[in-house]
Amino acid sequence: MSKEAKIQKTLARQQQKIEEGQFYEAHQQLRVLTARYVKSQDWNAAIDLLSNGAGLLLDAGQGASGGDLCIYLLEVYGKAEIKPDGGSRDRLLGLLRKMKRGEPMKRRFVGEMIG
């Protein structure tokens, strides 16, 4: 199974957990799996898993968990020394748009993005 297929399978499992209301479990599994990719310096896989996982949680109204993964995504960009480009900016702005007005993590996310 290709790495991309593994990531899609993981995201599908996490989507199912989210639909079942198991937000905390989905959040923690996404963090753990991402940490493995970060440790092996597989930046693209880590970024893909985090951005999509954060989007799933934000879509489910889980601002704190989704926001935490957004912050982790920024950390991964830093560790990977990835320079901002159109794709990364679009990804980050897309996540920002999914955050609800008044979400406490939103301010932190914006601060980290521009800082």
PDB file of N, CA and C in Angstrom:
ATOM      1  N   MET A   1       0.851  -1.177   0.000  1.00  0.00           N
ATOM      2  CA  MET A   1       0.000   0.000   0.000  1.00  0.00           C
ATOM      3  C   MET A   1       0.896   1.239   0.000  1.00  0.00           C
ATOM      4  N   SER A   2       0.591   2.181  -0.851  1.00  0.00           N
ATOM      5  CA  SER A   2       1.396   3.402  -0.944  1.00  0.00           C
ATOM      6  C   SER A   2       1.186   4.271   0.300  1.00  0.00           C
ATOM      7  N   LYS A   3       2.124   5.165   0.512  1.00  0.00           N
ATOM      8  CA  LYS A   3       2.026   6.061   1.653  1.00  0.00           C
ATOM      9  C   LYS A   3       0.772   6.932   1.555  1.00  0.00           C
ATOM     10  N   GLU A   4       0.496   7.409   0.352  1.00  0.00           N
ATOM     11  CA  GLU A   4      -0.692   8.241   0.153  1.00  0.00           C
ATOM     12  C   GLU A   4      -1.965   7.461   0.497  1.00  0.00           C
ATOM     13  N   ALA A   5      -2.006   6.196   0.107  1.00  0.00           N
ATOM     14  CA  ALA A   5      -3.169   5.359   0.421  1.00  0.00           C
ATOM     15  C   ALA A   5      -3.289   5.147   1.923  1.00  0.00           C
ATOM     16  N   LYS A   6      -2.163   4.995   2.613  1.00  0.00           N
ATOM     17  CA  LYS A   6      -2.181   4.833   4.067  1.00  0.00           C
ATOM     18  C   LYS A   6      -2.730   6.079   4.741  1.00  0.00           C
ATOM     19  N   ILE A   7      -2.317   7.231   4.253  1.00  0.00           N
ATOM     20  CA  ILE A   7      -2.800   8.483   4.837  1.00  0.00           C
ATOM     21  C   ILE A   7      -4.299   8.610   4.615  1.00  0.00           C
ATOM     22  N   GLN A   8      -4.762   8.298   3.423  1.00  0.00           N
ATOM     23  CA  GLN A   8      -6.200   8.381   3.138  1.00  0.00           C
ATOM     24  C   GLN A   8      -6.997   7.399   3.995  1.00  0.00           C
ATOM     25  N   LYS A   9      -6.443   6.219   4.218  1.00  0.00           N
ATOM     26  CA  LYS A   9      -7.106   5.228   5.062  1.00  0.00           C
ATOM     27  C   LYS A   9      -7.168   5.730   6.507  1.00  0.00           C
ATOM     28  N   THR A  10      -6.075   6.322   6.970  1.00  0.00           N
ATOM     29  CA  THR A  10      -6.036   6.894   8.321  1.00  0.00           C
ATOM     30  C   THR A  10      -7.067   8.000   8.464  1.00  0.00           C
ATOM     31  N   LEU A  11      -7.132   8.887   7.478  1.00  0.00           N
ATOM     32  CA  LEU A  11      -8.097   9.980   7.529  1.00  0.00           C
ATOM     33  C   LEU A  11      -9.532   9.456   7.516  1.00  0.00           C
ATOM     34  N   ALA A  12      -9.779   8.411   6.752  1.00  0.00           N
ATOM     35  CA  ALA A  12     -11.124   7.822   6.720  1.00  0.00           C
ATOM     36  C   ALA A  12     -11.495   7.256   8.090  1.00  0.00           C
ATOM     37  N   ARG A  13     -10.539   6.597   8.757  1.00  0.00           N
ATOM     38  CA  ARG A  13     -10.796   6.061  10.102  1.00  0.00           C
ATOM     39  C   ARG A  13     -11.078   7.188  11.082  1.00  0.00           C
ATOM     40  N   GLN A  14     -10.315   8.274  10.975  1.00  0.00           N
ATOM     41  CA  GLN A  14     -10.510   9.395  11.890  1.00  0.00           C
ATOM     42  C   GLN A  14     -11.835  10.093  11.609  1.00  0.00           C
ATOM     43  N   GLN A  15     -12.217  10.172  10.348  1.00  0.00           N
ATOM     44  CA  GLN A  15     -13.520  10.742   9.996  1.00  0.00           C
ATOM     45  C   GLN A  15     -14.637   9.934  10.644  1.00  0.00           C
ATOM     46  N   GLN A  16     -14.499   8.623  10.626  1.00  0.00           N
ATOM     47  CA  GLN A  16     -15.507   7.765  11.236  1.00  0.00           C
ATOM     48  C   GLN A  16     -15.583   8.021  12.742  1.00  0.00           C
ATOM     49  N   LYS A  17     -14.425   8.131  13.385  1.00  0.00           N
ATOM     50  CA  LYS A  17     -14.400   8.418  14.827  1.00  0.00           C
ATOM     51  C   LYS A  17     -15.079   9.750  15.118  1.00  0.00           C
ATOM     52  N   ILE A  18     -14.799  10.740  14.293  1.00  0.00           N
ATOM     53  CA  ILE A  18     -15.396  12.066  14.477  1.00  0.00           C
ATOM     54  C   ILE A  18     -16.911  11.992  14.315  1.00  0.00           C
ATOM     55  N   GLU A  19     -17.364  11.270  13.329  1.00  0.00           N
ATOM     56  CA  GLU A  19     -18.807  11.107  13.112  1.00  0.00           C
ATOM     57  C   GLU A  19     -19.476  10.404  14.289  1.00  0.00           C
ATOM     58  N   GLU A  20     -18.713   9.544  14.968  1.00  0.00           N
ATOM     59  CA  GLU A  20     -19.231   8.827  16.140  1.00  0.00           C
ATOM     60  C   GLU A  20     -19.111   9.661  17.417  1.00  0.00           C
ATOM     61  N   GLY A  21     -18.552  10.861  17.297  1.00  0.00           N
ATOM     62  CA  GLY A  21     -18.402  11.732  18.463  1.00  0.00           C
ATOM     63  C   GLY A  21     -17.151  11.465  19.282  1.00  0.00           C
ATOM     64  N   GLN A  22     -16.247  10.672  18.754  1.00  0.00           N
ATOM     65  CA  GLN A  22     -15.003  10.347  19.458  1.00  0.00           C
ATOM     66  C   GLN A  22     -13.912  11.352  19.060  1.00  0.00           C
ATOM     67  N   PHE A  23     -14.161  12.598  19.379  1.00  0.00           N
ATOM     68  CA  PHE A  23     -13.278  13.680  18.948  1.00  0.00           C
ATOM     69  C   PHE A  23     -11.886  13.586  19.585  1.00  0.00           C
ATOM     70  N   TYR A  24     -11.872  13.346  20.881  1.00  0.00           N
ATOM     71  CA  TYR A  24     -10.589  13.294  21.589  1.00  0.00           C
ATOM     72  C   TYR A  24      -9.717  12.174  21.030  1.00  0.00           C
ATOM     73  N   GLU A  25     -10.299  11.013  20.824  1.00  0.00           N
ATOM     74  CA  GLU A  25      -9.533   9.876  20.292  1.00  0.00           C
ATOM     75  C   GLU A  25      -8.986  10.185  18.905  1.00  0.00           C
ATOM     76  N   ALA A  26      -9.809  10.775  18.037  1.00  0.00           N
ATOM     77  CA  ALA A  26      -9.349  11.131  16.688  1.00  0.00           C
ATOM     78  C   ALA A  26      -8.211  12.145  16.763  1.00  0.00           C
ATOM     79  N   HIS A  27      -8.373  13.152  17.603  1.00  0.00           N
ATOM     80  CA  HIS A  27      -7.351  14.186  17.763  1.00  0.00           C
ATOM     81  C   HIS A  27      -6.025  13.576  18.204  1.00  0.00           C
ATOM     82  N   GLN A  28      -6.075  12.745  19.240  1.00  0.00           N
ATOM     83  CA  GLN A  28      -4.844  12.156  19.772  1.00  0.00           C
ATOM     84  C   GLN A  28      -4.185  11.210  18.773  1.00  0.00           C
ATOM     85  N   GLN A  29      -4.979  10.431  18.060  1.00  0.00           N
ATOM     86  CA  GLN A  29      -4.392   9.526  17.072  1.00  0.00           C
ATOM     87  C   GLN A  29      -3.730  10.307  15.945  1.00  0.00           C
ATOM     88  N   LEU A  30      -4.347  11.389  15.532  1.00  0.00           N
ATOM     89  CA  LEU A  30      -3.738  12.215  14.483  1.00  0.00           C
ATOM     90  C   LEU A  30      -2.409  12.802  14.959  1.00  0.00           C
ATOM     91  N   ARG A  31      -2.344  13.241  16.211  1.00  0.00           N
ATOM     92  CA  ARG A  31      -1.088  13.778  16.756  1.00  0.00           C
ATOM     93  C   ARG A  31       0.004  12.696  16.807  1.00  0.00           C
ATOM     94  N   VAL A  32      -0.359  11.522  17.279  1.00  0.00           N
ATOM     95  CA  VAL A  32       0.616  10.432  17.415  1.00  0.00           C
ATOM     96  C   VAL A  32       1.140  10.001  16.043  1.00  0.00           C
ATOM     97  N   LEU A  33       0.235   9.814  15.103  1.00  0.00           N
ATOM     98  CA  LEU A  33       0.661   9.381  13.770  1.00  0.00           C
ATOM     99  C   LEU A  33       1.514  10.454  13.089  1.00  0.00           C
ATOM    100  N   THR A  34       1.145  11.706  13.278  1.00  0.00           N
ATOM    101  CA  THR A  34       1.944  12.795  12.705  1.00  0.00           C
ATOM    102  C   THR A  34       3.334  12.810  13.320  1.00  0.00           C
ATOM    103  N   ALA A  35       3.414  12.598  14.618  1.00  0.00           N
ATOM    104  CA  ALA A  35       4.718  12.597  15.293  1.00  0.00           C
ATOM    105  C   ALA A  35       5.647  11.547  14.690  1.00  0.00           C
ATOM    106  N   ARG A  36       5.100  10.428  14.276  1.00  0.00           N
ATOM    107  CA  ARG A  36       5.918   9.391  13.629  1.00  0.00           C
ATOM    108  C   ARG A  36       6.483   9.897  12.303  1.00  0.00           C
ATOM    109  N   TYR A  37       5.653  10.575  11.530  1.00  0.00           N
ATOM    110  CA  TYR A  37       6.131  11.128  10.261  1.00  0.00           C
ATOM    111  C   TYR A  37       7.163  12.228  10.491  1.00  0.00           C
ATOM    112  N   VAL A  38       6.950  13.031  11.513  1.00  0.00           N
ATOM    113  CA  VAL A  38       7.906  14.094  11.829  1.00  0.00           C
ATOM    114  C   VAL A  38       9.243  13.480  12.238  1.00  0.00           C
ATOM    115  N   LYS A  39       9.185  12.446  13.072  1.00  0.00           N
ATOM    116  CA  LYS A  39      10.416  11.800  13.524  1.00  0.00           C
ATOM    117  C   LYS A  39      11.222  11.244  12.346  1.00  0.00           C
ATOM    118  N   SER A  40      10.529  10.732  11.344  1.00  0.00           N
ATOM    119  CA  SER A  40      11.219  10.189  10.172  1.00  0.00           C
ATOM    120  C   SER A  40      11.458  11.265   9.099  1.00  0.00           C
ATOM    121  N   GLN A  41      11.123  12.497   9.436  1.00  0.00           N
ATOM    122  CA  GLN A  41      11.280  13.652   8.547  1.00  0.00           C
ATOM    123  C   GLN A  41      10.533  13.485   7.227  1.00  0.00           C
ATOM    124  N   ASP A  42       9.391  12.839   7.306  1.00  0.00           N
ATOM    125  CA  ASP A  42       8.509  12.717   6.151  1.00  0.00           C
ATOM    126  C   ASP A  42       7.531  13.890   6.221  1.00  0.00           C
ATOM    127  N   TRP A  43       8.040  15.046   5.849  1.00  0.00           N
ATOM    128  CA  TRP A  43       7.314  16.300   6.029  1.00  0.00           C
ATOM    129  C   TRP A  43       6.007  16.341   5.253  1.00  0.00           C
ATOM    130  N   ASN A  44       6.021  15.879   4.030  1.00  0.00           N
ATOM    131  CA  ASN A  44       4.810  15.936   3.214  1.00  0.00           C
ATOM    132  C   ASN A  44       3.683  15.102   3.816  1.00  0.00           C
ATOM    133  N   ALA A  45       4.013  13.931   4.321  1.00  0.00           N
ATOM    134  CA  ALA A  45       2.998  13.083   4.943  1.00  0.00           C
ATOM    135  C   ALA A  45       2.472  13.745   6.214  1.00  0.00           C
ATOM    136  N   ALA A  46       3.368  14.303   7.013  1.00  0.00           N
ATOM    137  CA  ALA A  46       2.949  14.975   8.249  1.00  0.00           C
ATOM    138  C   ALA A  46       2.035  16.156   7.941  1.00  0.00           C
ATOM    139  N   ILE A  47       2.404  16.946   6.956  1.00  0.00           N
ATOM    140  CA  ILE A  47       1.614  18.120   6.581  1.00  0.00           C
ATOM    141  C   ILE A  47       0.248  17.699   6.049  1.00  0.00           C
ATOM    142  N   ASP A  48       0.228  16.686   5.224  1.00  0.00           N
ATOM    143  CA  ASP A  48      -1.037  16.196   4.661  1.00  0.00           C
ATOM    144  C   ASP A  48      -1.967  15.697   5.765  1.00  0.00           C
ATOM    145  N   LEU A  49      -1.430  14.892   6.672  1.00  0.00           N
ATOM    146  CA  LEU A  49      -2.234  14.335   7.750  1.00  0.00           C
ATOM    147  C   LEU A  49      -2.753  15.440   8.674  1.00  0.00           C
ATOM    148  N   LEU A  50      -1.892  16.375   9.027  1.00  0.00           N
ATOM    149  CA  LEU A  50      -2.313  17.451   9.921  1.00  0.00           C
ATOM    150  C   LEU A  50      -3.338  18.373   9.285  1.00  0.00           C
ATOM    151  N   SER A  51      -3.080  18.800   8.071  1.00  0.00           N
ATOM    152  CA  SER A  51      -4.003  19.757   7.457  1.00  0.00           C
ATOM    153  C   SER A  51      -5.372  19.132   7.224  1.00  0.00           C
ATOM    154  N   ASN A  52      -5.407  17.914   6.753  1.00  0.00           N
ATOM    155  CA  ASN A  52      -6.690  17.251   6.526  1.00  0.00           C
ATOM    156  C   ASN A  52      -7.382  16.880   7.832  1.00  0.00           C
ATOM    157  N   GLY A  53      -6.612  16.395   8.802  1.00  0.00           N
ATOM    158  CA  GLY A  53      -7.188  16.057  10.105  1.00  0.00           C
ATOM    159  C   GLY A  53      -7.737  17.277  10.820  1.00  0.00           C
ATOM    160  N   ALA A  54      -7.001  18.386  10.766  1.00  0.00           N
ATOM    161  CA  ALA A  54      -7.488  19.624  11.382  1.00  0.00           C
ATOM    162  C   ALA A  54      -8.779  20.066  10.700  1.00  0.00           C
ATOM    163  N   GLY A  55      -8.830  19.961   9.389  1.00  0.00           N
ATOM    164  CA  GLY A  55     -10.038  20.328   8.660  1.00  0.00           C
ATOM    165  C   GLY A  55     -11.235  19.488   9.068  1.00  0.00           C
ATOM    166  N   LEU A  56     -11.021  18.185   9.257  1.00  0.00           N
ATOM    167  CA  LEU A  56     -12.120  17.310   9.678  1.00  0.00           C
ATOM    168  C   LEU A  56     -12.666  17.733  11.037  1.00  0.00           C
ATOM    169  N   LEU A  57     -11.754  18.007  11.972  1.00  0.00           N
ATOM    170  CA  LEU A  57     -12.183  18.400  13.310  1.00  0.00           C
ATOM    171  C   LEU A  57     -12.855  19.771  13.306  1.00  0.00           C
ATOM    172  N   LEU A  58     -12.309  20.701  12.544  1.00  0.00           N
ATOM    173  CA  LEU A  58     -12.924  22.031  12.473  1.00  0.00           C
ATOM    174  C   LEU A  58     -14.307  21.955  11.840  1.00  0.00           C
ATOM    175  N   ASP A  59     -14.457  21.135  10.805  1.00  0.00           N
ATOM    176  CA  ASP A  59     -15.765  20.959  10.168  1.00  0.00           C
ATOM    177  C   ASP A  59     -16.793  20.389  11.148  1.00  0.00           C
ATOM    178  N   ALA A  60     -16.310  19.609  12.123  1.00  0.00           N
ATOM    179  CA  ALA A  60     -17.195  19.003  13.123  1.00  0.00           C
ATOM    180  C   ALA A  60     -17.444  19.946  14.303  1.00  0.00           C
ATOM    181  N   GLY A  61     -16.934  21.169  14.210  1.00  0.00           N
ATOM    182  CA  GLY A  61     -17.149  22.137  15.283  1.00  0.00           C
ATOM    183  C   GLY A  61     -16.210  21.982  16.461  1.00  0.00           C
ATOM    184  N   GLN A  62     -15.134  21.235  16.266  1.00  0.00           N
ATOM    185  CA  GLN A  62     -14.164  20.991  17.332  1.00  0.00           C
ATOM    186  C   GLN A  62     -12.991  21.958  17.182  1.00  0.00           C
ATOM    187  N   GLY A  63     -13.250  23.224  17.536  1.00  0.00           N
ATOM    188  CA  GLY A  63     -12.275  24.285  17.336  1.00  0.00           C
ATOM    189  C   GLY A  63     -10.988  24.108  18.109  1.00  0.00           C
ATOM    190  N   ALA A  64     -11.073  23.652  19.348  1.00  0.00           N
ATOM    191  CA  ALA A  64      -9.867  23.497  20.155  1.00  0.00           C
ATOM    192  C   ALA A  64      -8.967  22.392  19.590  1.00  0.00           C
ATOM    193  N   SER A  65      -9.559  21.252  19.282  1.00  0.00           N
ATOM    194  CA  SER A  65      -8.768  20.139  18.743  1.00  0.00           C
ATOM    195  C   SER A  65      -8.243  20.461  17.351  1.00  0.00           C
ATOM    196  N   GLY A  66      -9.113  20.988  16.499  1.00  0.00           N
ATOM    197  CA  GLY A  66      -8.680  21.372  15.157  1.00  0.00           C
ATOM    198  C   GLY A  66      -7.632  22.460  15.213  1.00  0.00           C
ATOM    199  N   GLY A  67      -7.825  23.429  16.095  1.00  0.00           N
ATOM    200  CA  GLY A  67      -6.857  24.512  16.246  1.00  0.00           C
ATOM    201  C   GLY A  67      -5.510  24.012  16.739  1.00  0.00           C
ATOM    202  N   ASP A  68      -5.533  23.041  17.639  1.00  0.00           N
ATOM    203  CA  ASP A  68      -4.282  22.456  18.126  1.00  0.00           C
ATOM    204  C   ASP A  68      -3.511  21.817  16.976  1.00  0.00           C
ATOM    205  N   LEU A  69      -4.209  21.115  16.097  1.00  0.00           N
ATOM    206  CA  LEU A  69      -3.535  20.507  14.947  1.00  0.00           C
ATOM    207  C   LEU A  69      -3.036  21.574  13.979  1.00  0.00           C
ATOM    208  N   CYS A  70      -3.738  22.696  13.887  1.00  0.00           N
ATOM    209  CA  CYS A  70      -3.280  23.806  13.042  1.00  0.00           C
ATOM    210  C   CYS A  70      -1.964  24.368  13.580  1.00  0.00           C
ATOM    211  N   ILE A  71      -1.868  24.529  14.898  1.00  0.00           N
ATOM    212  CA  ILE A  71      -0.635  25.016  15.512  1.00  0.00           C
ATOM    213  C   ILE A  71       0.491  24.012  15.275  1.00  0.00           C
ATOM    214  N   TYR A  72       0.182  22.738  15.413  1.00  0.00           N
ATOM    215  CA  TYR A  72       1.170  21.691  15.161  1.00  0.00           C
ATOM    216  C   TYR A  72       1.633  21.747  13.704  1.00  0.00           C
ATOM    217  N   LEU A  73       0.713  22.020  12.797  1.00  0.00           N
ATOM    218  CA  LEU A  73       1.066  22.153  11.381  1.00  0.00           C
ATOM    219  C   LEU A  73       2.096  23.266  11.190  1.00  0.00           C
ATOM    220  N   LEU A  74       1.907  24.387  11.857  1.00  0.00           N
ATOM    221  CA  LEU A  74       2.882  25.481  11.762  1.00  0.00           C
ATOM    222  C   LEU A  74       4.239  25.060  12.310  1.00  0.00           C
ATOM    223  N   GLU A  75       4.229  24.273  13.387  1.00  0.00           N
ATOM    224  CA  GLU A  75       5.488  23.762  13.945  1.00  0.00           C
ATOM    225  C   GLU A  75       6.199  22.858  12.936  1.00  0.00           C
ATOM    226  N   VAL A  76       5.440  22.028  12.251  1.00  0.00           N
ATOM    227  CA  VAL A  76       6.029  21.134  11.253  1.00  0.00           C
ATOM    228  C   VAL A  76       6.630  21.946  10.106  1.00  0.00           C
ATOM    229  N   TYR A  77       5.920  22.970   9.657  1.00  0.00           N
ATOM    230  CA  TYR A  77       6.484  23.839   8.617  1.00  0.00           C
ATOM    231  C   TYR A  77       7.820  24.408   9.076  1.00  0.00           C
ATOM    232  N   GLY A  78       7.897  24.822  10.331  1.00  0.00           N
ATOM    233  CA  GLY A  78       9.139  25.372  10.861  1.00  0.00           C
ATOM    234  C   GLY A  78      10.248  24.339  10.920  1.00  0.00           C
ATOM    235  N   LYS A  79       9.942  23.161  11.443  1.00  0.00           N
ATOM    236  CA  LYS A  79      10.948  22.098  11.540  1.00  0.00           C
ATOM    237  C   LYS A  79      11.451  21.682  10.164  1.00  0.00           C
ATOM    238  N   ALA A  80      10.543  21.661   9.199  1.00  0.00           N
ATOM    239  CA  ALA A  80      10.898  21.241   7.846  1.00  0.00           C
ATOM    240  C   ALA A  80      11.602  22.354   7.073  1.00  0.00           C
ATOM    241  N   GLU A  81      11.605  23.553   7.659  1.00  0.00           N
ATOM    242  CA  GLU A  81      12.190  24.728   7.014  1.00  0.00           C
ATOM    243  C   GLU A  81      11.576  24.963   5.641  1.00  0.00           C
ATOM    244  N   ILE A  82      10.266  24.808   5.598  1.00  0.00           N
ATOM    245  CA  ILE A  82       9.531  25.016   4.349  1.00  0.00           C
ATOM    246  C   ILE A  82       9.196  26.492   4.222  1.00  0.00           C
ATOM    247  N   LYS A  83       9.610  27.068   3.137  1.00  0.00           N
ATOM    248  CA  LYS A  83       9.319  28.469   2.861  1.00  0.00           C
ATOM    249  C   LYS A  83       7.869  28.581   2.402  1.00  0.00           C
ATOM    250  N   PRO A  84       7.174  29.637   2.837  1.00  0.00           N
ATOM    251  CA  PRO A  84       5.781  29.811   2.413  1.00  0.00           C
ATOM    252  C   PRO A  84       5.668  29.933   0.893  1.00  0.00           C
ATOM    253  N   ASP A  85       4.695  29.240   0.348  1.00  0.00           N
ATOM    254  CA  ASP A  85       4.399  29.355  -1.073  1.00  0.00           C
ATOM    255  C   ASP A  85       2.885  29.393  -1.221  1.00  0.00           C
ATOM    256  N   GLY A  86       2.413  29.450  -2.430  1.00  0.00           N
ATOM    257  CA  GLY A  86       0.982  29.536  -2.665  1.00  0.00           C
ATOM    258  C   GLY A  86       0.210  28.382  -2.060  1.00  0.00           C
ATOM    259  N   GLY A  87       0.755  27.183  -2.171  1.00  0.00           N
ATOM    260  CA  GLY A  87       0.074  25.999  -1.638  1.00  0.00           C
ATOM    261  C   GLY A  87      -0.032  26.014  -0.126  1.00  0.00           C
ATOM    262  N   SER A  88       1.064  26.355   0.542  1.00  0.00           N
ATOM    263  CA  SER A  88       1.024  26.372   2.005  1.00  0.00           C
ATOM    264  C   SER A  88       0.134  27.504   2.506  1.00  0.00           C
ATOM    265  N   ARG A  89       0.198  28.644   1.851  1.00  0.00           N
ATOM    266  CA  ARG A  89      -0.665  29.769   2.255  1.00  0.00           C
ATOM    267  C   ARG A  89      -2.145  29.404   2.062  1.00  0.00           C
ATOM    268  N   ASP A  90      -2.472  28.789   0.939  1.00  0.00           N
ATOM    269  CA  ASP A  90      -3.856  28.387   0.689  1.00  0.00           C
ATOM    270  C   ASP A  90      -4.332  27.382   1.743  1.00  0.00           C
ATOM    271  N   ARG A  91      -3.456  26.456   2.092  1.00  0.00           N
ATOM    272  CA  ARG A  91      -3.802  25.441   3.090  1.00  0.00           C
ATOM    273  C   ARG A  91      -4.093  26.114   4.433  1.00  0.00           C
ATOM    274  N   LEU A  92      -3.218  27.018   4.851  1.00  0.00           N
ATOM    275  CA  LEU A  92      -3.386  27.685   6.143  1.00  0.00           C
ATOM    276  C   LEU A  92      -4.615  28.594   6.154  1.00  0.00           C
ATOM    277  N   LEU A  93      -4.815  29.329   5.083  1.00  0.00           N
ATOM    278  CA  LEU A  93      -5.979  30.215   5.017  1.00  0.00           C
ATOM    279  C   LEU A  93      -7.284  29.419   4.971  1.00  0.00           C
ATOM    280  N   GLY A  94      -7.258  28.272   4.310  1.00  0.00           N
ATOM    281  CA  GLY A  94      -8.431  27.404   4.289  1.00  0.00           C
ATOM    282  C   GLY A  94      -8.802  26.927   5.684  1.00  0.00           C
ATOM    283  N   LEU A  95      -7.790  26.569   6.478  1.00  0.00           N
ATOM    284  CA  LEU A  95      -8.046  26.145   7.854  1.00  0.00           C
ATOM    285  C   LEU A  95      -8.542  27.314   8.689  1.00  0.00           C
ATOM    286  N   LEU A  96      -7.949  28.471   8.488  1.00  0.00           N
ATOM    287  CA  LEU A  96      -8.372  29.662   9.227  1.00  0.00           C
ATOM    288  C   LEU A  96      -9.850  29.965   8.955  1.00  0.00           C
ATOM    289  N   ARG A  97     -10.259  29.839   7.714  1.00  0.00           N
ATOM    290  CA  ARG A  97     -11.661  30.098   7.356  1.00  0.00           C
ATOM    291  C   ARG A  97     -12.625  29.111   8.013  1.00  0.00           C
ATOM    292  N   LYS A  98     -12.147  27.924   8.327  1.00  0.00           N
ATOM    293  CA  LYS A  98     -13.008  26.923   8.961  1.00  0.00           C
ATOM    294  C   LYS A  98     -13.211  27.186  10.452  1.00  0.00           C
ATOM    295  N   MET A  99     -12.341  28.006  11.041  1.00  0.00           N
ATOM    296  CA  MET A  99     -12.472  28.306  12.467  1.00  0.00           C
ATOM    297  C   MET A  99     -13.635  29.268  12.676  1.00  0.00           C
ATOM    298  N   LYS A 100     -14.428  28.964  13.675  1.00  0.00           N
ATOM    299  CA  LYS A 100     -15.593  29.789  13.966  1.00  0.00           C
ATOM    300  C   LYS A 100     -15.177  31.118  14.597  1.00  0.00           C
ATOM    301  N   ARG A 101     -15.994  32.115  14.372  1.00  0.00           N
ATOM    302  CA  ARG A 101     -15.776  33.424  14.986  1.00  0.00           C
ATOM    303  C   ARG A 101     -15.755  33.244  16.509  1.00  0.00           C
ATOM    304  N   GLY A 102     -14.796  33.866  17.136  1.00  0.00           N
ATOM    305  CA  GLY A 102     -14.696  33.790  18.590  1.00  0.00           C
ATOM    306  C   GLY A 102     -13.947  32.573  19.106  1.00  0.00           C
ATOM    307  N   GLU A 103     -13.512  31.705  18.222  1.00  0.00           N
ATOM    308  CA  GLU A 103     -12.757  30.510  18.631  1.00  0.00           C
ATOM    309  C   GLU A 103     -11.425  30.965  19.242  1.00  0.00           C
ATOM    310  N   PRO A 104     -11.144  30.609  20.506  1.00  0.00           N
ATOM    311  CA  PRO A 104      -9.903  31.056  21.149  1.00  0.00           C
ATOM    312  C   PRO A 104      -8.622  30.657  20.401  1.00  0.00           C
ATOM    313  N   MET A 105      -8.626  29.501  19.770  1.00  0.00           N
ATOM    314  CA  MET A 105      -7.419  29.052  19.054  1.00  0.00           C
ATOM    315  C   MET A 105      -7.170  29.882  17.796  1.00  0.00           C
ATOM    316  N   LYS A 106      -8.184  30.550  17.307  1.00  0.00           N
ATOM    317  CA  LYS A 106      -8.057  31.320  16.075  1.00  0.00           C
ATOM    318  C   LYS A 106      -7.028  32.437  16.241  1.00  0.00           C
ATOM    319  N   ARG A 107      -7.105  33.161  17.336  1.00  0.00           N
ATOM    320  CA  ARG A 107      -6.167  34.257  17.583  1.00  0.00           C
ATOM    321  C   ARG A 107      -4.734  33.734  17.669  1.00  0.00           C
ATOM    322  N   ARG A 108      -4.561  32.639  18.378  1.00  0.00           N
ATOM    323  CA  ARG A 108      -3.214  32.058  18.498  1.00  0.00           C
ATOM    324  C   ARG A 108      -2.690  31.601  17.146  1.00  0.00           C
ATOM    325  N   PHE A 109      -3.561  30.973  16.370  1.00  0.00           N
ATOM    326  CA  PHE A 109      -3.170  30.484  15.052  1.00  0.00           C
ATOM    327  C   PHE A 109      -2.721  31.642  14.160  1.00  0.00           C
ATOM    328  N   VAL A 110      -3.498  32.697  14.146  1.00  0.00           N
ATOM    329  CA  VAL A 110      -3.140  33.869  13.341  1.00  0.00           C
ATOM    330  C   VAL A 110      -1.811  34.452  13.828  1.00  0.00           C
ATOM    331  N   GLY A 111      -1.648  34.563  15.135  1.00  0.00           N
ATOM    332  CA  GLY A 111      -0.401  35.085  15.694  1.00  0.00           C
ATOM    333  C   GLY A 111       0.800  34.253  15.298  1.00  0.00           C
ATOM    334  N   GLU A 112       0.646  32.949  15.332  1.00  0.00           N
ATOM    335  CA  GLU A 112       1.747  32.048  14.947  1.00  0.00           C
ATOM    336  C   GLU A 112       2.029  32.135  13.453  1.00  0.00           C
ATOM    337  N   MET A 113       0.982  32.309  12.651  1.00  0.00           N
ATOM    338  CA  MET A 113       1.167  32.383  11.202  1.00  0.00           C
ATOM    339  C   MET A 113       1.973  33.611  10.820  1.00  0.00           C
ATOM    340  N   ILE A 114       1.668  34.737  11.432  1.00  0.00           N
ATOM    341  CA  ILE A 114       2.351  35.974  11.024  1.00  0.00           C
ATOM    342  C   ILE A 114       3.613  36.225  11.823  1.00  0.00           C
ATOM    343  N   GLY A 115       3.791  35.468  12.903  1.00  0.00           N
ATOM    344  CA  GLY A 115       4.956  35.674  13.771  1.00  0.00           C
ATOM    345  C   GLY A 115       6.115  34.916  13.325  1.00  0.00           C
TER     346      GLY A 115
END
